[in-house]
Amino acid sequence: MSPTHVHLVRHGQSTWNRDGLVQGAHRGSNQALLTDTGRAEAARAGMVLGARLGRPRDERSLQLWTSDLMRTLQTAEIISVTLRPMGWSASVRNEPGLREQALGDLEGERTDALRSVPVPEGEHISEVRWGGGESMQEVFERVGEWFAPALIEQPDHLVVVSHEHTIRAALAWLRSTSHRDIDWDEPVLPGSVTTYDVVD
């Protein structure tokens, strides 16, 4: 059986990235829009995807999903437009379950003003709700709840436009590891495309 090629795309640079603000899923972070740099990164991601996708086999060969936050919706629309001259036609579908990790009171704070705090005794770092938001365990679980049925359809290519922490959690889930095994050293840069093949 042929694999489903899962392409995880991080949105391009947003205004909050540029301004050094903590993004998340709430507290006004949906006001973050792509900068000119971010739009260029989204277009480059579309070109990278075009090279990896090759030629379409049929209209069901590609599914394009995105988080429902503005910075990912904008990225996905640019990718869709970039792929069109290559023969790919995919409507952009959005899903709240692909949002970034909610970071509670930390959202909107300046990243250079944050101070490290110790992990509470007896807890794993991935199970702490920083700022009163979501733990990475919760992100891992909600991403898995979305991916499990999405993969049943077995498209040739499943493009998912999302966020740094969500992509890290998705990679751990796709690799059949746990939330405690999330790789924080693997680069997930704005506009990057990470491809992972899933074989049923």
N, C-alpha and C. Protein backbone atom coordinates (compact mmCIF):
# COMPACT_ATOMS: atom_id res chain seq x y z
N MET A 1 0.85 -1.20 0.00
CA MET A 1 0.00 0.00 0.00
C MET A 1 0.88 1.24 0.00
N SER A 2 0.55 2.20 -0.84
CA SER A 2 1.36 3.40 -0.93
C SER A 2 1.15 4.27 0.31
N PRO A 3 2.20 4.98 0.73
CA PRO A 3 2.08 5.79 1.95
C PRO A 3 1.32 7.07 1.69
N THR A 4 0.84 7.67 2.77
CA THR A 4 0.36 9.05 2.73
C THR A 4 1.53 9.94 3.11
N HIS A 5 1.86 10.86 2.23
CA HIS A 5 2.95 11.80 2.51
C HIS A 5 2.36 12.98 3.29
N VAL A 6 2.72 13.09 4.54
CA VAL A 6 2.21 14.18 5.38
C VAL A 6 3.23 15.31 5.35
N HIS A 7 2.79 16.48 4.91
CA HIS A 7 3.67 17.65 4.82
C HIS A 7 3.22 18.67 5.86
N LEU A 8 4.05 18.87 6.86
CA LEU A 8 3.74 19.80 7.95
C LEU A 8 4.41 21.14 7.65
N VAL A 9 3.61 22.17 7.49
CA VAL A 9 4.12 23.49 7.11
C VAL A 9 3.88 24.47 8.26
N ARG A 10 4.94 25.12 8.70
CA ARG A 10 4.75 26.18 9.69
C ARG A 10 4.42 27.47 8.95
N HIS A 11 3.50 28.24 9.49
CA HIS A 11 3.12 29.51 8.87
C HIS A 11 4.34 30.43 8.71
N GLY A 12 4.24 31.36 7.77
CA GLY A 12 5.31 32.33 7.59
C GLY A 12 5.37 33.32 8.75
N GLN A 13 6.40 34.15 8.73
CA GLN A 13 6.58 35.13 9.80
C GLN A 13 5.33 35.99 9.97
N SER A 14 4.91 36.15 11.21
CA SER A 14 3.76 37.00 11.51
C SER A 14 4.23 38.31 12.13
N THR A 15 3.28 39.23 12.27
CA THR A 15 3.61 40.50 12.92
C THR A 15 4.05 40.28 14.37
N TRP A 16 3.47 39.30 15.03
CA TRP A 16 3.87 39.01 16.42
C TRP A 16 5.24 38.36 16.47
N ASN A 17 5.57 37.49 15.50
CA ASN A 17 6.94 36.96 15.41
C ASN A 17 7.92 38.12 15.28
N ARG A 18 7.62 39.00 14.36
CA ARG A 18 8.51 40.14 14.08
C ARG A 18 8.69 41.02 15.32
N ASP A 19 7.61 41.21 16.07
CA ASP A 19 7.65 42.12 17.21
C ASP A 19 8.07 41.45 18.51
N GLY A 20 8.39 40.15 18.44
CA GLY A 20 8.88 39.46 19.63
C GLY A 20 7.82 39.23 20.69
N LEU A 21 6.59 38.92 20.26
CA LEU A 21 5.50 38.66 21.19
C LEU A 21 5.18 37.17 21.23
N VAL A 22 4.80 36.69 22.40
CA VAL A 22 4.44 35.29 22.57
C VAL A 22 3.10 35.04 21.89
N GLN A 23 3.09 34.11 20.93
CA GLN A 23 1.86 33.75 20.24
C GLN A 23 1.28 32.50 20.89
N GLY A 24 0.04 32.28 20.62
CA GLY A 24 -0.63 31.09 21.12
C GLY A 24 -1.90 30.91 20.34
N ALA A 25 -3.01 30.66 21.04
CA ALA A 25 -4.27 30.40 20.37
C ALA A 25 -5.36 31.39 20.76
N HIS A 26 -5.11 32.21 21.76
CA HIS A 26 -6.15 33.10 22.28
C HIS A 26 -5.55 34.47 22.58
N ARG A 27 -6.22 35.23 23.46
CA ARG A 27 -5.73 36.52 23.97
C ARG A 27 -5.23 37.45 22.85
N GLY A 28 -5.97 37.51 21.75
CA GLY A 28 -5.63 38.45 20.69
C GLY A 28 -4.60 37.96 19.70
N SER A 29 -4.07 36.74 19.89
CA SER A 29 -3.02 36.30 18.97
C SER A 29 -3.54 36.08 17.56
N ASN A 30 -4.88 36.00 17.39
CA ASN A 30 -5.42 35.86 16.05
C ASN A 30 -5.32 37.16 15.26
N GLN A 31 -4.92 38.24 15.94
CA GLN A 31 -4.66 39.49 15.24
C GLN A 31 -3.32 39.47 14.51
N ALA A 32 -2.50 38.46 14.81
CA ALA A 32 -1.20 38.35 14.15
C ALA A 32 -1.40 37.96 12.69
N LEU A 33 -0.93 38.79 11.78
CA LEU A 33 -1.04 38.55 10.34
C LEU A 33 0.35 38.37 9.75
N LEU A 34 0.40 37.84 8.55
CA LEU A 34 1.70 37.65 7.90
C LEU A 34 2.32 39.00 7.53
N THR A 35 3.62 39.09 7.73
CA THR A 35 4.39 40.23 7.24
C THR A 35 4.73 39.99 5.77
N ASP A 36 5.37 40.96 5.13
CA ASP A 36 5.85 40.75 3.76
C ASP A 36 6.81 39.56 3.72
N THR A 37 7.68 39.49 4.73
CA THR A 37 8.60 38.33 4.81
C THR A 37 7.82 37.05 4.95
N GLY A 38 6.78 37.04 5.78
CA GLY A 38 5.97 35.85 5.97
C GLY A 38 5.26 35.42 4.70
N ARG A 39 4.77 36.37 3.92
CA ARG A 39 4.12 36.02 2.65
C ARG A 39 5.12 35.41 1.68
N ALA A 40 6.34 35.93 1.67
CA ALA A 40 7.38 35.36 0.80
C ALA A 40 7.74 33.95 1.26
N GLU A 41 7.80 33.75 2.58
CA GLU A 41 8.09 32.41 3.11
C GLU A 41 6.98 31.42 2.76
N ALA A 42 5.73 31.88 2.79
CA ALA A 42 4.61 31.02 2.41
C ALA A 42 4.70 30.62 0.94
N ALA A 43 5.05 31.58 0.08
CA ALA A 43 5.19 31.28 -1.34
C ALA A 43 6.32 30.28 -1.58
N ARG A 44 7.43 30.44 -0.84
CA ARG A 44 8.54 29.48 -0.98
C ARG A 44 8.12 28.10 -0.51
N ALA A 45 7.34 28.06 0.56
CA ALA A 45 6.83 26.76 1.03
C ALA A 45 5.98 26.10 -0.05
N GLY A 46 5.18 26.91 -0.76
CA GLY A 46 4.40 26.37 -1.87
C GLY A 46 5.27 25.80 -2.97
N MET A 47 6.38 26.46 -3.27
CA MET A 47 7.30 25.94 -4.29
C MET A 47 7.96 24.65 -3.83
N VAL A 48 8.35 24.60 -2.56
CA VAL A 48 8.95 23.37 -2.01
C VAL A 48 7.94 22.23 -2.10
N LEU A 49 6.71 22.51 -1.72
CA LEU A 49 5.67 21.47 -1.81
C LEU A 49 5.46 21.03 -3.25
N GLY A 50 5.43 21.98 -4.17
CA GLY A 50 5.25 21.63 -5.57
C GLY A 50 6.29 20.64 -6.05
N ALA A 51 7.54 20.85 -5.63
CA ALA A 51 8.62 19.93 -6.01
C ALA A 51 8.43 18.56 -5.39
N ARG A 52 7.90 18.51 -4.17
CA ARG A 52 7.71 17.23 -3.49
C ARG A 52 6.46 16.49 -3.95
N LEU A 53 5.45 17.24 -4.38
CA LEU A 53 4.19 16.62 -4.80
C LEU A 53 4.27 16.00 -6.17
N GLY A 54 5.08 16.56 -7.06
CA GLY A 54 5.13 16.07 -8.44
C GLY A 54 3.86 16.45 -9.18
N ARG A 55 3.37 15.54 -10.01
CA ARG A 55 2.15 15.81 -10.79
C ARG A 55 0.96 15.13 -10.13
N PRO A 56 -0.20 15.78 -10.13
CA PRO A 56 -1.38 15.17 -9.49
C PRO A 56 -1.88 13.94 -10.24
N ARG A 57 -2.29 12.93 -9.47
CA ARG A 57 -2.85 11.72 -10.06
C ARG A 57 -4.33 11.91 -10.33
N ASP A 58 -5.04 12.46 -9.36
CA ASP A 58 -6.44 12.83 -9.52
C ASP A 58 -6.75 13.89 -8.47
N GLU A 59 -7.99 14.38 -8.49
CA GLU A 59 -8.35 15.50 -7.62
C GLU A 59 -8.36 15.12 -6.14
N ARG A 60 -8.35 13.82 -5.84
CA ARG A 60 -8.35 13.39 -4.45
C ARG A 60 -6.93 13.14 -3.92
N SER A 61 -5.92 13.41 -4.75
CA SER A 61 -4.55 13.12 -4.36
C SER A 61 -4.03 14.04 -3.25
N LEU A 62 -4.65 15.21 -3.09
CA LEU A 62 -4.15 16.21 -2.16
C LEU A 62 -5.26 16.74 -1.27
N GLN A 63 -4.98 16.81 0.02
CA GLN A 63 -5.84 17.51 0.96
C GLN A 63 -5.01 18.60 1.63
N LEU A 64 -5.58 19.79 1.74
CA LEU A 64 -4.88 20.93 2.33
C LEU A 64 -5.67 21.43 3.53
N TRP A 65 -5.10 21.23 4.70
CA TRP A 65 -5.73 21.62 5.95
C TRP A 65 -4.89 22.68 6.65
N THR A 66 -5.55 23.48 7.47
CA THR A 66 -4.84 24.52 8.21
C THR A 66 -5.52 24.75 9.55
N SER A 67 -4.75 25.24 10.49
CA SER A 67 -5.32 25.82 11.70
C SER A 67 -6.25 26.95 11.30
N ASP A 68 -7.19 27.29 12.16
CA ASP A 68 -8.15 28.34 11.82
C ASP A 68 -7.69 29.73 12.25
N LEU A 69 -6.43 29.87 12.66
CA LEU A 69 -5.90 31.18 13.03
C LEU A 69 -5.41 31.92 11.78
N MET A 70 -5.50 33.25 11.79
CA MET A 70 -5.27 34.04 10.58
C MET A 70 -3.90 33.80 9.96
N ARG A 71 -2.86 33.68 10.76
CA ARG A 71 -1.51 33.55 10.19
C ARG A 71 -1.35 32.25 9.41
N THR A 72 -2.07 31.19 9.82
CA THR A 72 -2.00 29.94 9.07
C THR A 72 -2.96 29.95 7.88
N LEU A 73 -4.13 30.54 8.07
CA LEU A 73 -5.07 30.66 6.95
C LEU A 73 -4.44 31.43 5.79
N GLN A 74 -3.76 32.52 6.10
CA GLN A 74 -3.10 33.31 5.05
C GLN A 74 -2.00 32.48 4.36
N THR A 75 -1.23 31.74 5.17
CA THR A 75 -0.16 30.91 4.60
C THR A 75 -0.74 29.85 3.67
N ALA A 76 -1.81 29.19 4.11
CA ALA A 76 -2.42 28.13 3.32
C ALA A 76 -2.99 28.66 2.01
N GLU A 77 -3.59 29.84 2.04
CA GLU A 77 -4.15 30.41 0.81
C GLU A 77 -3.03 30.71 -0.19
N ILE A 78 -1.91 31.24 0.29
CA ILE A 78 -0.77 31.52 -0.60
C ILE A 78 -0.23 30.22 -1.19
N ILE A 79 -0.15 29.18 -0.37
CA ILE A 79 0.32 27.87 -0.85
C ILE A 79 -0.63 27.35 -1.92
N SER A 80 -1.93 27.45 -1.68
CA SER A 80 -2.91 26.97 -2.65
C SER A 80 -2.75 27.67 -4.00
N VAL A 81 -2.57 28.99 -3.96
CA VAL A 81 -2.39 29.77 -5.18
C VAL A 81 -1.08 29.39 -5.87
N THR A 82 -0.03 29.16 -5.10
CA THR A 82 1.27 28.81 -5.67
C THR A 82 1.22 27.45 -6.36
N LEU A 83 0.43 26.52 -5.82
CA LEU A 83 0.36 25.16 -6.38
C LEU A 83 -0.50 25.07 -7.63
N ARG A 84 -1.39 26.05 -7.80
CA ARG A 84 -2.37 25.96 -8.89
C ARG A 84 -1.73 25.85 -10.27
N PRO A 85 -0.71 26.66 -10.62
CA PRO A 85 -0.10 26.52 -11.95
C PRO A 85 0.62 25.18 -12.15
N MET A 86 0.88 24.46 -11.06
CA MET A 86 1.54 23.16 -11.17
C MET A 86 0.54 22.02 -11.37
N GLY A 87 -0.74 22.39 -11.48
CA GLY A 87 -1.76 21.38 -11.73
C GLY A 87 -2.51 20.92 -10.50
N TRP A 88 -2.18 21.47 -9.35
CA TRP A 88 -2.84 21.06 -8.11
C TRP A 88 -3.96 22.04 -7.78
N SER A 89 -5.12 21.49 -7.47
CA SER A 89 -6.26 22.31 -7.06
C SER A 89 -6.78 21.74 -5.75
N ALA A 90 -6.60 22.50 -4.68
CA ALA A 90 -7.05 22.02 -3.37
C ALA A 90 -7.69 23.17 -2.62
N SER A 91 -8.91 22.95 -2.15
CA SER A 91 -9.55 23.96 -1.32
C SER A 91 -8.92 23.91 0.07
N VAL A 92 -8.84 25.07 0.71
CA VAL A 92 -8.25 25.17 2.04
C VAL A 92 -9.33 24.89 3.08
N ARG A 93 -9.11 23.87 3.88
CA ARG A 93 -10.05 23.54 4.96
C ARG A 93 -9.38 23.83 6.30
N ASN A 94 -10.13 24.43 7.22
CA ASN A 94 -9.51 24.80 8.49
C ASN A 94 -10.07 23.99 9.65
N GLU A 95 -9.25 23.86 10.69
CA GLU A 95 -9.57 22.98 11.81
C GLU A 95 -9.03 23.59 13.11
N PRO A 96 -9.89 23.90 14.08
CA PRO A 96 -9.42 24.45 15.35
C PRO A 96 -8.45 23.53 16.09
N GLY A 97 -8.55 22.22 15.86
CA GLY A 97 -7.67 21.28 16.53
C GLY A 97 -6.22 21.40 16.11
N LEU A 98 -5.95 22.17 15.05
CA LEU A 98 -4.57 22.36 14.58
C LEU A 98 -3.98 23.67 15.06
N ARG A 99 -4.66 24.33 16.01
CA ARG A 99 -4.15 25.60 16.54
C ARG A 99 -2.85 25.40 17.32
N GLU A 100 -2.20 26.53 17.54
CA GLU A 100 -0.99 26.54 18.37
C GLU A 100 -1.36 26.22 19.82
N GLN A 101 -0.36 25.83 20.59
CA GLN A 101 -0.53 25.60 22.02
C GLN A 101 -1.04 26.88 22.67
N ALA A 102 -2.13 26.77 23.42
CA ALA A 102 -2.63 27.92 24.17
C ALA A 102 -1.70 28.16 25.36
N LEU A 103 -1.24 29.39 25.52
CA LEU A 103 -0.26 29.71 26.57
C LEU A 103 -0.81 30.68 27.61
N GLY A 104 -2.12 30.78 27.69
CA GLY A 104 -2.75 31.52 28.77
C GLY A 104 -2.25 32.94 28.93
N ASP A 105 -1.85 33.29 30.15
CA ASP A 105 -1.43 34.65 30.48
C ASP A 105 -0.13 35.06 29.80
N LEU A 106 0.61 34.09 29.24
CA LEU A 106 1.87 34.43 28.57
C LEU A 106 1.64 35.05 27.19
N GLU A 107 0.50 34.79 26.60
CA GLU A 107 0.23 35.27 25.25
C GLU A 107 0.20 36.79 25.21
N GLY A 108 0.92 37.34 24.25
CA GLY A 108 1.00 38.78 24.10
C GLY A 108 2.15 39.42 24.86
N GLU A 109 2.80 38.63 25.73
CA GLU A 109 3.96 39.15 26.45
C GLU A 109 5.18 39.20 25.53
N ARG A 110 6.12 40.06 25.85
CA ARG A 110 7.36 40.11 25.07
C ARG A 110 8.22 38.90 25.41
N THR A 111 8.74 38.24 24.38
CA THR A 111 9.56 37.05 24.62
C THR A 111 10.83 37.38 25.39
N ASP A 112 11.38 38.58 25.18
CA ASP A 112 12.62 38.93 25.87
C ASP A 112 12.39 39.32 27.33
N ALA A 113 11.12 39.38 27.74
CA ALA A 113 10.81 39.70 29.14
C ALA A 113 10.48 38.44 29.95
N LEU A 114 10.40 37.29 29.27
CA LEU A 114 10.07 36.05 29.97
C LEU A 114 11.26 35.58 30.80
N ARG A 115 10.97 34.97 31.92
CA ARG A 115 12.00 34.42 32.80
C ARG A 115 11.72 32.94 33.02
N SER A 116 12.77 32.16 33.03
CA SER A 116 12.59 30.72 33.22
C SER A 116 12.12 30.43 34.64
N VAL A 117 11.26 29.45 34.76
CA VAL A 117 10.79 29.01 36.07
C VAL A 117 10.98 27.50 36.14
N PRO A 118 11.21 26.97 37.33
CA PRO A 118 11.45 25.53 37.45
C PRO A 118 10.19 24.72 37.17
N VAL A 119 10.39 23.51 36.67
CA VAL A 119 9.27 22.59 36.49
C VAL A 119 8.82 22.13 37.87
N PRO A 120 7.52 22.19 38.15
CA PRO A 120 7.04 21.75 39.47
C PRO A 120 7.51 20.33 39.80
N GLU A 121 7.86 20.13 41.03
CA GLU A 121 8.38 18.83 41.46
C GLU A 121 7.37 17.73 41.16
N GLY A 122 7.87 16.65 40.60
CA GLY A 122 7.04 15.50 40.29
C GLY A 122 6.32 15.58 38.96
N GLU A 123 6.47 16.68 38.22
CA GLU A 123 5.81 16.83 36.93
C GLU A 123 6.84 16.81 35.80
N HIS A 124 6.41 16.34 34.63
CA HIS A 124 7.25 16.40 33.43
C HIS A 124 6.97 17.74 32.74
N ILE A 125 7.98 18.32 32.12
CA ILE A 125 7.83 19.64 31.51
C ILE A 125 6.72 19.68 30.47
N SER A 126 6.47 18.56 29.78
CA SER A 126 5.44 18.53 28.75
C SER A 126 4.04 18.44 29.33
N GLU A 127 3.93 18.27 30.65
CA GLU A 127 2.62 18.12 31.28
C GLU A 127 2.24 19.34 32.12
N VAL A 128 3.02 20.42 32.01
CA VAL A 128 2.75 21.65 32.74
C VAL A 128 1.95 22.59 31.86
N ARG A 129 0.91 23.21 32.43
CA ARG A 129 0.11 24.20 31.71
C ARG A 129 0.73 25.58 31.94
N TRP A 130 1.72 25.92 31.14
CA TRP A 130 2.42 27.19 31.31
C TRP A 130 1.46 28.35 31.09
N GLY A 131 1.49 29.32 31.97
CA GLY A 131 0.62 30.49 31.87
C GLY A 131 -0.85 30.17 32.07
N GLY A 132 -1.13 28.96 32.54
CA GLY A 132 -2.52 28.56 32.70
C GLY A 132 -3.17 28.12 31.41
N GLY A 133 -2.36 27.87 30.39
CA GLY A 133 -2.89 27.45 29.10
C GLY A 133 -2.92 25.93 28.97
N GLU A 134 -2.42 25.43 27.83
CA GLU A 134 -2.40 23.99 27.56
C GLU A 134 -1.02 23.42 27.83
N SER A 135 -0.99 22.19 28.26
CA SER A 135 0.27 21.46 28.32
C SER A 135 0.55 20.88 26.94
N MET A 136 1.80 20.51 26.70
CA MET A 136 2.13 19.86 25.42
C MET A 136 1.48 18.49 25.34
N GLN A 137 1.23 17.86 26.47
CA GLN A 137 0.50 16.60 26.45
C GLN A 137 -0.89 16.81 25.85
N GLU A 138 -1.55 17.90 26.23
CA GLU A 138 -2.88 18.19 25.70
C GLU A 138 -2.83 18.51 24.21
N VAL A 139 -1.79 19.23 23.78
CA VAL A 139 -1.62 19.51 22.35
C VAL A 139 -1.42 18.20 21.60
N PHE A 140 -0.55 17.34 22.10
CA PHE A 140 -0.27 16.03 21.51
C PHE A 140 -1.57 15.23 21.35
N GLU A 141 -2.40 15.25 22.38
CA GLU A 141 -3.63 14.46 22.35
C GLU A 141 -4.64 15.02 21.36
N ARG A 142 -4.80 16.34 21.31
CA ARG A 142 -5.79 16.90 20.37
C ARG A 142 -5.33 16.78 18.93
N VAL A 143 -4.01 16.88 18.71
CA VAL A 143 -3.49 16.69 17.35
C VAL A 143 -3.72 15.24 16.90
N GLY A 144 -3.48 14.30 17.80
CA GLY A 144 -3.71 12.90 17.48
C GLY A 144 -5.17 12.60 17.19
N GLU A 145 -6.07 13.26 17.93
CA GLU A 145 -7.51 13.08 17.71
C GLU A 145 -7.92 13.56 16.32
N TRP A 146 -7.19 14.56 15.78
CA TRP A 146 -7.50 15.03 14.43
C TRP A 146 -6.84 14.13 13.38
N PHE A 147 -5.57 13.76 13.59
CA PHE A 147 -4.84 13.00 12.59
C PHE A 147 -5.42 11.60 12.37
N ALA A 148 -5.85 10.94 13.42
CA ALA A 148 -6.31 9.55 13.30
C ALA A 148 -7.39 9.39 12.23
N PRO A 149 -8.48 10.16 12.27
CA PRO A 149 -9.48 10.03 11.18
C PRO A 149 -9.02 10.63 9.86
N ALA A 150 -8.19 11.69 9.91
CA ALA A 150 -7.73 12.32 8.66
C ALA A 150 -6.92 11.34 7.82
N LEU A 151 -6.16 10.48 8.47
CA LEU A 151 -5.32 9.53 7.74
C LEU A 151 -6.09 8.34 7.19
N ILE A 152 -7.29 8.11 7.72
CA ILE A 152 -8.10 6.99 7.23
C ILE A 152 -8.44 7.17 5.75
N GLU A 153 -8.60 8.43 5.32
CA GLU A 153 -8.94 8.69 3.91
C GLU A 153 -7.79 8.39 2.96
N GLN A 154 -6.57 8.30 3.49
CA GLN A 154 -5.38 7.92 2.73
C GLN A 154 -5.17 8.72 1.43
N PRO A 155 -5.16 10.05 1.51
CA PRO A 155 -4.78 10.81 0.32
C PRO A 155 -3.31 10.57 0.02
N ASP A 156 -2.91 10.79 -1.22
CA ASP A 156 -1.48 10.67 -1.53
C ASP A 156 -0.68 11.68 -0.70
N HIS A 157 -1.22 12.90 -0.61
CA HIS A 157 -0.54 13.97 0.11
C HIS A 157 -1.51 14.67 1.05
N LEU A 158 -1.09 14.83 2.28
CA LEU A 158 -1.85 15.55 3.28
C LEU A 158 -0.99 16.72 3.75
N VAL A 159 -1.37 17.92 3.32
CA VAL A 159 -0.63 19.13 3.69
C VAL A 159 -1.34 19.77 4.88
N VAL A 160 -0.57 20.00 5.94
CA VAL A 160 -1.13 20.57 7.17
C VAL A 160 -0.34 21.83 7.51
N VAL A 161 -1.01 22.98 7.46
CA VAL A 161 -0.37 24.26 7.77
C VAL A 161 -0.70 24.58 9.23
N SER A 162 0.33 24.67 10.05
CA SER A 162 0.08 24.83 11.47
C SER A 162 1.17 25.67 12.13
N HIS A 163 1.48 25.35 13.38
CA HIS A 163 2.32 26.19 14.23
C HIS A 163 3.47 25.35 14.81
N GLU A 164 4.48 26.05 15.32
CA GLU A 164 5.69 25.35 15.78
C GLU A 164 5.40 24.25 16.79
N HIS A 165 4.75 24.57 17.90
CA HIS A 165 4.54 23.57 18.93
C HIS A 165 3.59 22.47 18.46
N THR A 166 2.59 22.86 17.69
CA THR A 166 1.65 21.87 17.16
C THR A 166 2.36 20.91 16.22
N ILE A 167 3.25 21.41 15.39
CA ILE A 167 3.99 20.56 14.46
C ILE A 167 4.91 19.62 15.24
N ARG A 168 5.55 20.10 16.27
CA ARG A 168 6.41 19.24 17.09
C ARG A 168 5.59 18.11 17.73
N ALA A 169 4.41 18.45 18.23
CA ALA A 169 3.54 17.43 18.81
C ALA A 169 3.07 16.44 17.74
N ALA A 170 2.74 16.96 16.54
CA ALA A 170 2.29 16.09 15.45
C ALA A 170 3.38 15.11 15.04
N LEU A 171 4.62 15.58 14.97
CA LEU A 171 5.72 14.69 14.59
C LEU A 171 5.89 13.57 15.61
N ALA A 172 5.78 13.90 16.89
CA ALA A 172 5.88 12.87 17.92
C ALA A 172 4.75 11.85 17.77
N TRP A 173 3.54 12.34 17.50
CA TRP A 173 2.40 11.43 17.32
C TRP A 173 2.57 10.56 16.08
N LEU A 174 2.96 11.16 14.97
CA LEU A 174 3.14 10.40 13.73
C LEU A 174 4.24 9.35 13.87
N ARG A 175 5.25 9.64 14.67
CA ARG A 175 6.35 8.70 14.88
C ARG A 175 6.04 7.66 15.95
N SER A 176 4.82 7.70 16.45
CA SER A 176 4.35 6.74 17.47
C SER A 176 5.18 6.80 18.75
N THR A 177 5.62 8.02 19.10
CA THR A 177 6.27 8.20 20.39
C THR A 177 5.28 8.92 21.31
N SER A 178 5.73 9.39 22.45
CA SER A 178 4.81 10.02 23.39
C SER A 178 5.07 11.52 23.49
N HIS A 179 4.19 12.20 24.22
CA HIS A 179 4.37 13.63 24.42
C HIS A 179 5.66 13.94 25.16
N ARG A 180 6.17 12.97 25.88
CA ARG A 180 7.43 13.18 26.60
C ARG A 180 8.65 13.07 25.69
N ASP A 181 8.41 12.62 24.44
CA ASP A 181 9.51 12.43 23.49
C ASP A 181 9.55 13.50 22.41
N ILE A 182 8.82 14.58 22.60
CA ILE A 182 8.81 15.67 21.60
C ILE A 182 10.22 16.20 21.42
N ASP A 183 10.63 16.34 20.16
CA ASP A 183 11.99 16.79 19.82
C ASP A 183 11.99 18.32 19.74
N TRP A 184 12.67 18.95 20.69
CA TRP A 184 12.74 20.41 20.72
C TRP A 184 13.96 20.94 19.99
N ASP A 185 14.83 20.04 19.50
CA ASP A 185 16.04 20.47 18.80
C ASP A 185 15.85 20.49 17.29
N GLU A 186 14.86 19.77 16.78
CA GLU A 186 14.60 19.73 15.34
C GLU A 186 14.10 21.09 14.88
N PRO A 187 14.74 21.69 13.87
CA PRO A 187 14.32 23.03 13.42
C PRO A 187 12.90 23.02 12.84
N VAL A 188 12.07 23.94 13.29
CA VAL A 188 10.74 24.15 12.71
C VAL A 188 10.62 25.66 12.49
N LEU A 189 11.20 26.13 11.41
CA LEU A 189 11.30 27.56 11.14
C LEU A 189 10.07 28.08 10.40
N PRO A 190 9.81 29.39 10.45
CA PRO A 190 8.68 29.93 9.70
C PRO A 190 8.78 29.58 8.21
N GLY A 191 7.70 29.06 7.66
CA GLY A 191 7.67 28.69 6.26
C GLY A 191 8.33 27.36 5.94
N SER A 192 8.77 26.63 6.96
CA SER A 192 9.44 25.34 6.71
C SER A 192 8.42 24.26 6.38
N VAL A 193 8.89 23.24 5.64
CA VAL A 193 8.06 22.10 5.26
C VAL A 193 8.76 20.84 5.76
N THR A 194 8.11 20.10 6.63
CA THR A 194 8.63 18.84 7.16
C THR A 194 7.74 17.72 6.66
N THR A 195 8.33 16.76 5.94
CA THR A 195 7.56 15.68 5.34
C THR A 195 7.80 14.37 6.10
N TYR A 196 6.71 13.67 6.39
CA TYR A 196 6.78 12.37 7.07
C TYR A 196 5.82 11.42 6.37
N ASP A 197 6.32 10.24 5.99
CA ASP A 197 5.50 9.27 5.28
C ASP A 197 4.84 8.31 6.26
N VAL A 198 3.53 8.17 6.12
CA VAL A 198 2.76 7.29 7.00
C VAL A 198 2.29 6.11 6.18
N VAL A 199 2.68 4.91 6.60
CA VAL A 199 2.27 3.68 5.93
C VAL A 199 1.33 2.93 6.86
N ASP A 200 0.14 2.61 6.35
CA ASP A 200 -0.85 1.91 7.17
C ASP A 200 -0.39 0.48 7.41
